[in-house]
Amino acid sequence: MTFVVTEGCIRCKYTDCVDVCPVDAFREGPNFLVIDPDECIDCAVCVPECPVNAIYAEEDVPKDQLHFTPLNAELALKWKPITRTKPALPDADEWAEIQAKLDQLER
């Protein structure tokens, strides 16, 4: 089992979750983070750190976000690890409340 980053992270990319990950399972894209399912140890410490509530246990991912489970796995193979907190994207606060933003994902 793993944890999954969902749509809420797109165009925000708050990285509070990264600092608490004991196994460096997060991967960074241009405007989104993913969790490498092969690295995640299912500890859940990242969940309360996400200010936009975009991280879920695999079995708790909302039905309309299930496509993010394979997307996290796919992008984790392409993107580099992120192990330290960085500033959020400049317009993150504006995007934080927007729900439908998959079309904004930069691969």
PDB file of N, CA and C in Angstrom:
ATOM      1  N   MET A   1       0.846  -1.185   0.000  1.00  0.00           N
ATOM      2  CA  MET A   1       0.000   0.000   0.000  1.00  0.00           C
ATOM      3  C   MET A   1       0.891   1.248   0.000  1.00  0.00           C
ATOM      4  N   THR A   2       0.309   2.334  -0.475  1.00  0.00           N
ATOM      5  CA  THR A   2       1.057   3.582  -0.579  1.00  0.00           C
ATOM      6  C   THR A   2       0.122   4.757  -0.324  1.00  0.00           C
ATOM      7  N   PHE A   3       0.688   5.926  -0.311  1.00  0.00           N
ATOM      8  CA  PHE A   3      -0.089   7.152  -0.263  1.00  0.00           C
ATOM      9  C   PHE A   3      -0.021   7.794  -1.643  1.00  0.00           C
ATOM     10  N   VAL A   4      -1.023   8.604  -1.951  1.00  0.00           N
ATOM     11  CA  VAL A   4      -1.191   9.150  -3.291  1.00  0.00           C
ATOM     12  C   VAL A   4      -1.423  10.658  -3.201  1.00  0.00           C
ATOM     13  N   VAL A   5      -0.719  11.406  -4.028  1.00  0.00           N
ATOM     14  CA  VAL A   5      -0.951  12.847  -4.145  1.00  0.00           C
ATOM     15  C   VAL A   5      -2.005  13.038  -5.231  1.00  0.00           C
ATOM     16  N   THR A   6      -3.019  13.837  -4.936  1.00  0.00           N
ATOM     17  CA  THR A   6      -4.135  14.027  -5.864  1.00  0.00           C
ATOM     18  C   THR A   6      -4.180  15.450  -6.416  1.00  0.00           C
ATOM     19  N   GLU A   7      -5.231  15.733  -7.129  1.00  0.00           N
ATOM     20  CA  GLU A   7      -5.379  16.953  -7.909  1.00  0.00           C
ATOM     21  C   GLU A   7      -5.165  18.252  -7.137  1.00  0.00           C
ATOM     22  N   GLY A   8      -5.473  18.258  -5.860  1.00  0.00           N
ATOM     23  CA  GLY A   8      -5.325  19.478  -5.066  1.00  0.00           C
ATOM     24  C   GLY A   8      -3.918  20.053  -5.072  1.00  0.00           C
ATOM     25  N   CYS A   9      -2.927  19.229  -5.341  1.00  0.00           N
ATOM     26  CA  CYS A   9      -1.534  19.684  -5.336  1.00  0.00           C
ATOM     27  C   CYS A   9      -1.142  20.430  -6.614  1.00  0.00           C
ATOM     28  N   ILE A  10      -1.848  20.184  -7.681  1.00  0.00           N
ATOM     29  CA  ILE A  10      -1.480  20.799  -8.963  1.00  0.00           C
ATOM     30  C   ILE A  10      -1.523  22.320  -8.867  1.00  0.00           C
ATOM     31  N   ARG A  11      -0.479  22.952  -9.325  1.00  0.00           N
ATOM     32  CA  ARG A  11      -0.275  24.404  -9.355  1.00  0.00           C
ATOM     33  C   ARG A  11      -0.115  25.016  -7.972  1.00  0.00           C
ATOM     34  N   CYS A  12      -0.019  24.194  -6.937  1.00  0.00           N
ATOM     35  CA  CYS A  12       0.281  24.678  -5.586  1.00  0.00           C
ATOM     36  C   CYS A  12       1.689  24.236  -5.211  1.00  0.00           C
ATOM     37  N   LYS A  13       1.843  22.911  -5.189  1.00  0.00           N
ATOM     38  CA  LYS A  13       3.123  22.285  -4.876  1.00  0.00           C
ATOM     39  C   LYS A  13       3.712  22.814  -3.570  1.00  0.00           C
ATOM     40  N   TYR A  14       2.877  22.837  -2.545  1.00  0.00           N
ATOM     41  CA  TYR A  14       3.400  23.104  -1.209  1.00  0.00           C
ATOM     42  C   TYR A  14       4.267  21.897  -0.856  1.00  0.00           C
ATOM     43  N   THR A  15       5.385  22.107  -0.228  1.00  0.00           N
ATOM     44  CA  THR A  15       6.297  20.993   0.013  1.00  0.00           C
ATOM     45  C   THR A  15       6.470  20.665   1.497  1.00  0.00           C
ATOM     46  N   ASP A  16       5.528  21.066   2.306  1.00  0.00           N
ATOM     47  CA  ASP A  16       5.586  20.773   3.740  1.00  0.00           C
ATOM     48  C   ASP A  16       5.704  19.265   3.983  1.00  0.00           C
ATOM     49  N   CYS A  17       5.059  18.494   3.132  1.00  0.00           N
ATOM     50  CA  CYS A  17       5.029  17.037   3.245  1.00  0.00           C
ATOM     51  C   CYS A  17       6.398  16.400   3.043  1.00  0.00           C
ATOM     52  N   VAL A  18       7.225  17.036   2.257  1.00  0.00           N
ATOM     53  CA  VAL A  18       8.513  16.474   1.870  1.00  0.00           C
ATOM     54  C   VAL A  18       9.447  16.335   3.070  1.00  0.00           C
ATOM     55  N   ASP A  19       9.504  17.343   3.914  1.00  0.00           N
ATOM     56  CA  ASP A  19      10.424  17.339   5.055  1.00  0.00           C
ATOM     57  C   ASP A  19      10.151  16.215   6.039  1.00  0.00           C
ATOM     58  N   VAL A  20       8.915  15.797   6.168  1.00  0.00           N
ATOM     59  CA  VAL A  20       8.586  14.787   7.174  1.00  0.00           C
ATOM     60  C   VAL A  20       8.698  13.359   6.654  1.00  0.00           C
ATOM     61  N   CYS A  21       8.870  13.182   5.367  1.00  0.00           N
ATOM     62  CA  CYS A  21       8.929  11.838   4.790  1.00  0.00           C
ATOM     63  C   CYS A  21      10.238  11.149   5.206  1.00  0.00           C
ATOM     64  N   PRO A  22      10.149  10.041   5.943  1.00  0.00           N
ATOM     65  CA  PRO A  22      11.371   9.388   6.428  1.00  0.00           C
ATOM     66  C   PRO A  22      12.136   8.602   5.364  1.00  0.00           C
ATOM     67  N   VAL A  23      11.521   8.386   4.193  1.00  0.00           N
ATOM     68  CA  VAL A  23      12.186   7.587   3.155  1.00  0.00           C
ATOM     69  C   VAL A  23      12.372   8.337   1.838  1.00  0.00           C
ATOM     70  N   ASP A  24      12.125   9.634   1.830  1.00  0.00           N
ATOM     71  CA  ASP A  24      12.298  10.446   0.625  1.00  0.00           C
ATOM     72  C   ASP A  24      11.526   9.882  -0.564  1.00  0.00           C
ATOM     73  N   ALA A  25      10.238   9.635  -0.358  1.00  0.00           N
ATOM     74  CA  ALA A  25       9.384   9.039  -1.392  1.00  0.00           C
ATOM     75  C   ALA A  25       8.787  10.053  -2.360  1.00  0.00           C
ATOM     76  N   PHE A  26       8.923  11.337  -2.075  1.00  0.00           N
ATOM     77  CA  PHE A  26       8.324  12.342  -2.950  1.00  0.00           C
ATOM     78  C   PHE A  26       9.193  12.608  -4.170  1.00  0.00           C
ATOM     79  N   ARG A  27       8.513  12.863  -5.288  1.00  0.00           N
ATOM     80  CA  ARG A  27       9.168  13.222  -6.540  1.00  0.00           C
ATOM     81  C   ARG A  27       8.566  14.548  -6.989  1.00  0.00           C
ATOM     82  N   GLU A  28       9.405  15.383  -7.610  1.00  0.00           N
ATOM     83  CA  GLU A  28       8.989  16.740  -7.966  1.00  0.00           C
ATOM     84  C   GLU A  28       8.906  16.941  -9.464  1.00  0.00           C
ATOM     85  N   GLY A  29       7.740  17.432  -9.894  1.00  0.00           N
ATOM     86  CA  GLY A  29       7.557  17.859 -11.264  1.00  0.00           C
ATOM     87  C   GLY A  29       7.475  19.376 -11.304  1.00  0.00           C
ATOM     88  N   PRO A  30       7.229  19.946 -12.471  1.00  0.00           N
ATOM     89  CA  PRO A  30       7.185  21.398 -12.598  1.00  0.00           C
ATOM     90  C   PRO A  30       6.142  22.074 -11.707  1.00  0.00           C
ATOM     91  N   ASN A  31       4.955  21.464 -11.567  1.00  0.00           N
ATOM     92  CA  ASN A  31       3.921  22.108 -10.765  1.00  0.00           C
ATOM     93  C   ASN A  31       3.088  21.117  -9.947  1.00  0.00           C
ATOM     94  N   PHE A  32       3.715  19.989  -9.576  1.00  0.00           N
ATOM     95  CA  PHE A  32       3.001  18.926  -8.881  1.00  0.00           C
ATOM     96  C   PHE A  32       4.021  18.014  -8.210  1.00  0.00           C
ATOM     97  N   LEU A  33       3.627  17.402  -7.116  1.00  0.00           N
ATOM     98  CA  LEU A  33       4.441  16.390  -6.452  1.00  0.00           C
ATOM     99  C   LEU A  33       3.742  15.047  -6.573  1.00  0.00           C
ATOM    100  N   VAL A  34       4.505  13.970  -6.575  1.00  0.00           N
ATOM    101  CA  VAL A  34       3.934  12.630  -6.517  1.00  0.00           C
ATOM    102  C   VAL A  34       4.694  11.832  -5.462  1.00  0.00           C
ATOM    103  N   ILE A  35       4.105  10.712  -5.079  1.00  0.00           N
ATOM    104  CA  ILE A  35       4.747   9.791  -4.144  1.00  0.00           C
ATOM    105  C   ILE A  35       5.114   8.531  -4.912  1.00  0.00           C
ATOM    106  N   ASP A  36       6.350   8.119  -4.781  1.00  0.00           N
ATOM    107  CA  ASP A  36       6.813   6.893  -5.413  1.00  0.00           C
ATOM    108  C   ASP A  36       6.254   5.712  -4.614  1.00  0.00           C
ATOM    109  N   PRO A  37       5.382   4.917  -5.211  1.00  0.00           N
ATOM    110  CA  PRO A  37       4.768   3.815  -4.461  1.00  0.00           C
ATOM    111  C   PRO A  37       5.770   2.733  -4.054  1.00  0.00           C
ATOM    112  N   ASP A  38       6.894   2.663  -4.732  1.00  0.00           N
ATOM    113  CA  ASP A  38       7.912   1.681  -4.370  1.00  0.00           C
ATOM    114  C   ASP A  38       8.751   2.126  -3.173  1.00  0.00           C
ATOM    115  N   GLU A  39       8.730   3.418  -2.882  1.00  0.00           N
ATOM    116  CA  GLU A  39       9.497   3.953  -1.751  1.00  0.00           C
ATOM    117  C   GLU A  39       8.633   4.194  -0.512  1.00  0.00           C
ATOM    118  N   CYS A  40       7.368   4.500  -0.711  1.00  0.00           N
ATOM    119  CA  CYS A  40       6.467   4.839   0.394  1.00  0.00           C
ATOM    120  C   CYS A  40       6.336   3.658   1.351  1.00  0.00           C
ATOM    121  N   ILE A  41       6.458   3.951   2.650  1.00  0.00           N
ATOM    122  CA  ILE A  41       6.344   2.901   3.662  1.00  0.00           C
ATOM    123  C   ILE A  41       5.020   2.980   4.415  1.00  0.00           C
ATOM    124  N   ASP A  42       4.090   3.769   3.903  1.00  0.00           N
ATOM    125  CA  ASP A  42       2.742   3.827   4.476  1.00  0.00           C
ATOM    126  C   ASP A  42       2.721   4.345   5.914  1.00  0.00           C
ATOM    127  N   CYS A  43       3.551   5.341   6.178  1.00  0.00           N
ATOM    128  CA  CYS A  43       3.632   5.856   7.549  1.00  0.00           C
ATOM    129  C   CYS A  43       2.609   6.949   7.852  1.00  0.00           C
ATOM    130  N   ALA A  44       2.111   7.619   6.829  1.00  0.00           N
ATOM    131  CA  ALA A  44       1.060   8.645   6.942  1.00  0.00           C
ATOM    132  C   ALA A  44       1.509   9.969   7.545  1.00  0.00           C
ATOM    133  N   VAL A  45       2.775  10.164   7.805  1.00  0.00           N
ATOM    134  CA  VAL A  45       3.185  11.436   8.417  1.00  0.00           C
ATOM    135  C   VAL A  45       3.023  12.623   7.473  1.00  0.00           C
ATOM    136  N   CYS A  46       2.962  12.365   6.179  1.00  0.00           N
ATOM    137  CA  CYS A  46       2.818  13.453   5.206  1.00  0.00           C
ATOM    138  C   CYS A  46       1.396  14.004   5.151  1.00  0.00           C
ATOM    139  N   VAL A  47       0.425  13.197   5.463  1.00  0.00           N
ATOM    140  CA  VAL A  47      -0.979  13.578   5.283  1.00  0.00           C
ATOM    141  C   VAL A  47      -1.347  14.860   6.025  1.00  0.00           C
ATOM    142  N   PRO A  48      -1.085  14.966   7.320  1.00  0.00           N
ATOM    143  CA  PRO A  48      -1.485  16.199   8.016  1.00  0.00           C
ATOM    144  C   PRO A  48      -0.659  17.426   7.636  1.00  0.00           C
ATOM    145  N   GLU A  49       0.467  17.218   6.965  1.00  0.00           N
ATOM    146  CA  GLU A  49       1.324  18.332   6.565  1.00  0.00           C
ATOM    147  C   GLU A  49       0.838  19.049   5.314  1.00  0.00           C
ATOM    148  N   CYS A  50      -0.029  18.410   4.544  1.00  0.00           N
ATOM    149  CA  CYS A  50      -0.489  18.993   3.278  1.00  0.00           C
ATOM    150  C   CYS A  50      -1.564  20.046   3.538  1.00  0.00           C
ATOM    151  N   PRO A  51      -1.280  21.313   3.241  1.00  0.00           N
ATOM    152  CA  PRO A  51      -2.247  22.369   3.530  1.00  0.00           C
ATOM    153  C   PRO A  51      -3.493  22.347   2.632  1.00  0.00           C
ATOM    154  N   VAL A  52      -3.448  21.591   1.531  1.00  0.00           N
ATOM    155  CA  VAL A  52      -4.619  21.521   0.643  1.00  0.00           C
ATOM    156  C   VAL A  52      -5.279  20.146   0.683  1.00  0.00           C
ATOM    157  N   ASN A  53      -4.880  19.308   1.631  1.00  0.00           N
ATOM    158  CA  ASN A  53      -5.479  17.972   1.810  1.00  0.00           C
ATOM    159  C   ASN A  53      -5.481  17.162   0.520  1.00  0.00           C
ATOM    160  N   ALA A  54      -4.339  17.111  -0.129  1.00  0.00           N
ATOM    161  CA  ALA A  54      -4.224  16.419  -1.414  1.00  0.00           C
ATOM    162  C   ALA A  54      -3.622  15.018  -1.298  1.00  0.00           C
ATOM    163  N   ILE A  55      -3.269  14.573  -0.089  1.00  0.00           N
ATOM    164  CA  ILE A  55      -2.618  13.273   0.076  1.00  0.00           C
ATOM    165  C   ILE A  55      -3.560  12.309   0.786  1.00  0.00           C
ATOM    166  N   TYR A  56      -3.713  11.126   0.179  1.00  0.00           N
ATOM    167  CA  TYR A  56      -4.618  10.106   0.722  1.00  0.00           C
ATOM    168  C   TYR A  56      -3.924   8.749   0.741  1.00  0.00           C
ATOM    169  N   ALA A  57      -4.334   7.922   1.701  1.00  0.00           N
ATOM    170  CA  ALA A  57      -3.945   6.516   1.645  1.00  0.00           C
ATOM    171  C   ALA A  57      -4.584   5.939   0.387  1.00  0.00           C
ATOM    172  N   GLU A  58      -3.897   5.017  -0.252  1.00  0.00           N
ATOM    173  CA  GLU A  58      -4.366   4.451  -1.515  1.00  0.00           C
ATOM    174  C   GLU A  58      -5.815   3.973  -1.442  1.00  0.00           C
ATOM    175  N   GLU A  59      -6.190   3.344  -0.355  1.00  0.00           N
ATOM    176  CA  GLU A  59      -7.555   2.827  -0.240  1.00  0.00           C
ATOM    177  C   GLU A  59      -8.590   3.912   0.069  1.00  0.00           C
ATOM    178  N   ASP A  60      -8.133   5.114   0.392  1.00  0.00           N
ATOM    179  CA  ASP A  60      -9.042   6.217   0.720  1.00  0.00           C
ATOM    180  C   ASP A  60      -9.112   7.299  -0.349  1.00  0.00           C
ATOM    181  N   VAL A  61      -8.432   7.104  -1.470  1.00  0.00           N
ATOM    182  CA  VAL A  61      -8.471   8.100  -2.542  1.00  0.00           C
ATOM    183  C   VAL A  61      -9.924   8.241  -3.007  1.00  0.00           C
ATOM    184  N   PRO A  62     -10.436   9.478  -3.071  1.00  0.00           N
ATOM    185  CA  PRO A  62     -11.811   9.666  -3.540  1.00  0.00           C
ATOM    186  C   PRO A  62     -12.012   9.081  -4.939  1.00  0.00           C
ATOM    187  N   LYS A  63     -13.204   8.614  -5.202  1.00  0.00           N
ATOM    188  CA  LYS A  63     -13.492   7.941  -6.477  1.00  0.00           C
ATOM    189  C   LYS A  63     -13.142   8.806  -7.680  1.00  0.00           C
ATOM    190  N   ASP A  64     -13.392  10.101  -7.592  1.00  0.00           N
ATOM    191  CA  ASP A  64     -13.104  10.971  -8.730  1.00  0.00           C
ATOM    192  C   ASP A  64     -11.609  11.281  -8.879  1.00  0.00           C
ATOM    193  N   GLN A  65     -10.788  10.745  -7.967  1.00  0.00           N
ATOM    194  CA  GLN A  65      -9.348  10.980  -8.002  1.00  0.00           C
ATOM    195  C   GLN A  65      -8.552   9.683  -8.179  1.00  0.00           C
ATOM    196  N   LEU A  66      -9.233   8.575  -8.404  1.00  0.00           N
ATOM    197  CA  LEU A  66      -8.558   7.283  -8.500  1.00  0.00           C
ATOM    198  C   LEU A  66      -7.493   7.235  -9.597  1.00  0.00           C
ATOM    199  N   HIS A  67      -7.668   8.013 -10.645  1.00  0.00           N
ATOM    200  CA  HIS A  67      -6.679   8.025 -11.729  1.00  0.00           C
ATOM    201  C   HIS A  67      -5.325   8.577 -11.271  1.00  0.00           C
ATOM    202  N   PHE A  68      -5.276   9.188 -10.100  1.00  0.00           N
ATOM    203  CA  PHE A  68      -4.004   9.696  -9.587  1.00  0.00           C
ATOM    204  C   PHE A  68      -3.113   8.603  -9.017  1.00  0.00           C
ATOM    205  N   THR A  69      -3.680   7.456  -8.697  1.00  0.00           N
ATOM    206  CA  THR A  69      -2.851   6.358  -8.195  1.00  0.00           C
ATOM    207  C   THR A  69      -1.875   5.886  -9.272  1.00  0.00           C
ATOM    208  N   PRO A  70      -2.346   5.511 -10.463  1.00  0.00           N
ATOM    209  CA  PRO A  70      -1.371   5.133 -11.500  1.00  0.00           C
ATOM    210  C   PRO A  70      -0.545   6.321 -11.996  1.00  0.00           C
ATOM    211  N   LEU A  71      -1.109   7.523 -11.946  1.00  0.00           N
ATOM    212  CA  LEU A  71      -0.358   8.702 -12.376  1.00  0.00           C
ATOM    213  C   LEU A  71       0.838   8.947 -11.459  1.00  0.00           C
ATOM    214  N   ASN A  72       0.653   8.787 -10.137  1.00  0.00           N
ATOM    215  CA  ASN A  72       1.780   8.929  -9.208  1.00  0.00           C
ATOM    216  C   ASN A  72       2.875   7.927  -9.548  1.00  0.00           C
ATOM    217  N   ALA A  73       2.483   6.682  -9.798  1.00  0.00           N
ATOM    218  CA  ALA A  73       3.463   5.640 -10.124  1.00  0.00           C
ATOM    219  C   ALA A  73       4.206   5.960 -11.418  1.00  0.00           C
ATOM    220  N   GLU A  74       3.471   6.419 -12.414  1.00  0.00           N
ATOM    221  CA  GLU A  74       4.080   6.746 -13.711  1.00  0.00           C
ATOM    222  C   GLU A  74       5.072   7.896 -13.592  1.00  0.00           C
ATOM    223  N   LEU A  75       4.642   8.987 -12.968  1.00  0.00           N
ATOM    224  CA  LEU A  75       5.496  10.169 -12.892  1.00  0.00           C
ATOM    225  C   LEU A  75       6.664   9.980 -11.925  1.00  0.00           C
ATOM    226  N   ALA A  76       6.492   9.131 -10.929  1.00  0.00           N
ATOM    227  CA  ALA A  76       7.588   8.863  -9.990  1.00  0.00           C
ATOM    228  C   ALA A  76       8.790   8.245 -10.693  1.00  0.00           C
ATOM    229  N   LEU A  77       8.541   7.551 -11.786  1.00  0.00           N
ATOM    230  CA  LEU A  77       9.629   6.949 -12.556  1.00  0.00           C
ATOM    231  C   LEU A  77      10.394   7.990 -13.376  1.00  0.00           C
ATOM    232  N   LYS A  78       9.754   9.124 -13.638  1.00  0.00           N
ATOM    233  CA  LYS A  78      10.346  10.152 -14.500  1.00  0.00           C
ATOM    234  C   LYS A  78      10.929  11.336 -13.736  1.00  0.00           C
ATOM    235  N   TRP A  79      10.340  11.643 -12.606  1.00  0.00           N
ATOM    236  CA  TRP A  79      10.734  12.841 -11.869  1.00  0.00           C
ATOM    237  C   TRP A  79      11.772  12.526 -10.801  1.00  0.00           C
ATOM    238  N   LYS A  80      12.542  13.549 -10.434  1.00  0.00           N
ATOM    239  CA  LYS A  80      13.610  13.399  -9.456  1.00  0.00           C
ATOM    240  C   LYS A  80      13.079  13.547  -8.031  1.00  0.00           C
ATOM    241  N   PRO A  81      13.757  12.892  -7.080  1.00  0.00           N
ATOM    242  CA  PRO A  81      13.362  13.027  -5.676  1.00  0.00           C
ATOM    243  C   PRO A  81      13.480  14.464  -5.194  1.00  0.00           C
ATOM    244  N   ILE A  82      12.609  14.814  -4.292  1.00  0.00           N
ATOM    245  CA  ILE A  82      12.695  16.085  -3.578  1.00  0.00           C
ATOM    246  C   ILE A  82      12.759  15.731  -2.100  1.00  0.00           C
ATOM    247  N   THR A  83      13.741  16.272  -1.405  1.00  0.00           N
ATOM    248  CA  THR A  83      13.963  15.881  -0.014  1.00  0.00           C
ATOM    249  C   THR A  83      13.916  17.044   0.973  1.00  0.00           C
ATOM    250  N   ARG A  84      13.762  18.234   0.468  1.00  0.00           N
ATOM    251  CA  ARG A  84      13.712  19.427   1.330  1.00  0.00           C
ATOM    252  C   ARG A  84      12.559  20.334   0.907  1.00  0.00           C
ATOM    253  N   THR A  85      12.029  21.033   1.870  1.00  0.00           N
ATOM    254  CA  THR A  85      10.969  21.990   1.598  1.00  0.00           C
ATOM    255  C   THR A  85      11.502  23.117   0.718  1.00  0.00           C
ATOM    256  N   LYS A  86      10.673  23.517  -0.232  1.00  0.00           N
ATOM    257  CA  LYS A  86      10.957  24.654  -1.102  1.00  0.00           C
ATOM    258  C   LYS A  86       9.764  25.598  -1.017  1.00  0.00           C
ATOM    259  N   PRO A  87       9.935  26.833  -1.447  1.00  0.00           N
ATOM    260  CA  PRO A  87       8.777  27.720  -1.478  1.00  0.00           C
ATOM    261  C   PRO A  87       7.698  27.173  -2.424  1.00  0.00           C
ATOM    262  N   ALA A  88       6.453  27.393  -2.055  1.00  0.00           N
ATOM    263  CA  ALA A  88       5.344  26.996  -2.928  1.00  0.00           C
ATOM    264  C   ALA A  88       5.415  27.824  -4.209  1.00  0.00           C
ATOM    265  N   LEU A  89       4.675  27.397  -5.198  1.00  0.00           N
ATOM    266  CA  LEU A  89       4.634  28.160  -6.447  1.00  0.00           C
ATOM    267  C   LEU A  89       4.088  29.561  -6.169  1.00  0.00           C
ATOM    268  N   PRO A  90       4.498  30.563  -6.937  1.00  0.00           N
ATOM    269  CA  PRO A  90       4.118  31.951  -6.653  1.00  0.00           C
ATOM    270  C   PRO A  90       2.612  32.191  -6.554  1.00  0.00           C
ATOM    271  N   ASP A  91       1.820  31.485  -7.350  1.00  0.00           N
ATOM    272  CA  ASP A  91       0.372  31.690  -7.313  1.00  0.00           C
ATOM    273  C   ASP A  91      -0.363  30.535  -6.622  1.00  0.00           C
ATOM    274  N   ALA A  92       0.347  29.825  -5.755  1.00  0.00           N
ATOM    275  CA  ALA A  92      -0.221  28.646  -5.087  1.00  0.00           C
ATOM    276  C   ALA A  92      -1.492  28.960  -4.308  1.00  0.00           C
ATOM    277  N   ASP A  93      -1.494  30.055  -3.595  1.00  0.00           N
ATOM    278  CA  ASP A  93      -2.680  30.381  -2.790  1.00  0.00           C
ATOM    279  C   ASP A  93      -3.908  30.609  -3.663  1.00  0.00           C
ATOM    280  N   GLU A  94      -3.711  31.140  -4.863  1.00  0.00           N
ATOM    281  CA  GLU A  94      -4.830  31.357  -5.785  1.00  0.00           C
ATOM    282  C   GLU A  94      -5.389  30.029  -6.294  1.00  0.00           C
ATOM    283  N   TRP A  95      -4.527  29.034  -6.458  1.00  0.00           N
ATOM    284  CA  TRP A  95      -4.935  27.726  -6.989  1.00  0.00           C
ATOM    285  C   TRP A  95      -5.376  26.746  -5.908  1.00  0.00           C
ATOM    286  N   ALA A  96      -5.108  27.041  -4.659  1.00  0.00           N
ATOM    287  CA  ALA A  96      -5.364  26.108  -3.564  1.00  0.00           C
ATOM    288  C   ALA A  96      -6.824  25.668  -3.461  1.00  0.00           C
ATOM    289  N   GLU A  97      -7.739  26.538  -3.745  1.00  0.00           N
ATOM    290  CA  GLU A  97      -9.162  26.212  -3.608  1.00  0.00           C
ATOM    291  C   GLU A  97      -9.794  25.678  -4.891  1.00  0.00           C
ATOM    292  N   ILE A  98      -9.080  25.720  -5.985  1.00  0.00           N
ATOM    293  CA  ILE A  98      -9.622  25.250  -7.260  1.00  0.00           C
ATOM    294  C   ILE A  98      -9.524  23.732  -7.297  1.00  0.00           C
ATOM    295  N   GLN A  99     -10.616  23.077  -7.621  1.00  0.00           N
ATOM    296  CA  GLN A  99     -10.680  21.622  -7.590  1.00  0.00           C
ATOM    297  C   GLN A  99     -10.300  20.979  -8.925  1.00  0.00           C
ATOM    298  N   ALA A 100     -10.904  21.397 -10.002  1.00  0.00           N
ATOM    299  CA  ALA A 100     -10.679  20.765 -11.304  1.00  0.00           C
ATOM    300  C   ALA A 100      -9.506  21.437 -12.013  1.00  0.00           C
ATOM    301  N   LYS A 101      -8.334  20.829 -11.906  1.00  0.00           N
ATOM    302  CA  LYS A 101      -7.158  21.445 -12.523  1.00  0.00           C
ATOM    303  C   LYS A 101      -6.196  20.440 -13.126  1.00  0.00           C
ATOM    304  N   LEU A 102      -6.678  19.245 -13.436  1.00  0.00           N
ATOM    305  CA  LEU A 102      -5.828  18.234 -14.076  1.00  0.00           C
ATOM    306  C   LEU A 102      -5.258  18.756 -15.388  1.00  0.00           C
ATOM    307  N   ASP A 103      -6.018  19.580 -16.099  1.00  0.00           N
ATOM    308  CA  ASP A 103      -5.545  20.127 -17.359  1.00  0.00           C
ATOM    309  C   ASP A 103      -4.351  21.073 -17.167  1.00  0.00           C
ATOM    310  N   GLN A 104      -4.075  21.454 -15.936  1.00  0.00           N
ATOM    311  CA  GLN A 104      -2.952  22.341 -15.633  1.00  0.00           C
ATOM    312  C   GLN A 104      -1.666  21.580 -15.312  1.00  0.00           C
ATOM    313  N   LEU A 105      -1.746  20.252 -15.193  1.00  0.00           N
ATOM    314  CA  LEU A 105      -0.581  19.455 -14.833  1.00  0.00           C
ATOM    315  C   LEU A 105       0.483  19.519 -15.914  1.00  0.00           C
ATOM    316  N   GLU A 106       1.695  19.900 -15.498  1.00  0.00           N
ATOM    317  CA  GLU A 106       2.841  19.913 -16.411  1.00  0.00           C
ATOM    318  C   GLU A 106       3.663  18.665 -16.156  1.00  0.00           C
ATOM    319  N   ARG A 107       3.844  17.891 -17.192  1.00  0.00           N
ATOM    320  CA  ARG A 107       4.613  16.656 -17.045  1.00  0.00           C
ATOM    321  C   ARG A 107       6.063  16.930 -17.292  1.00  0.00           C
TER     322      ARG A 107
END
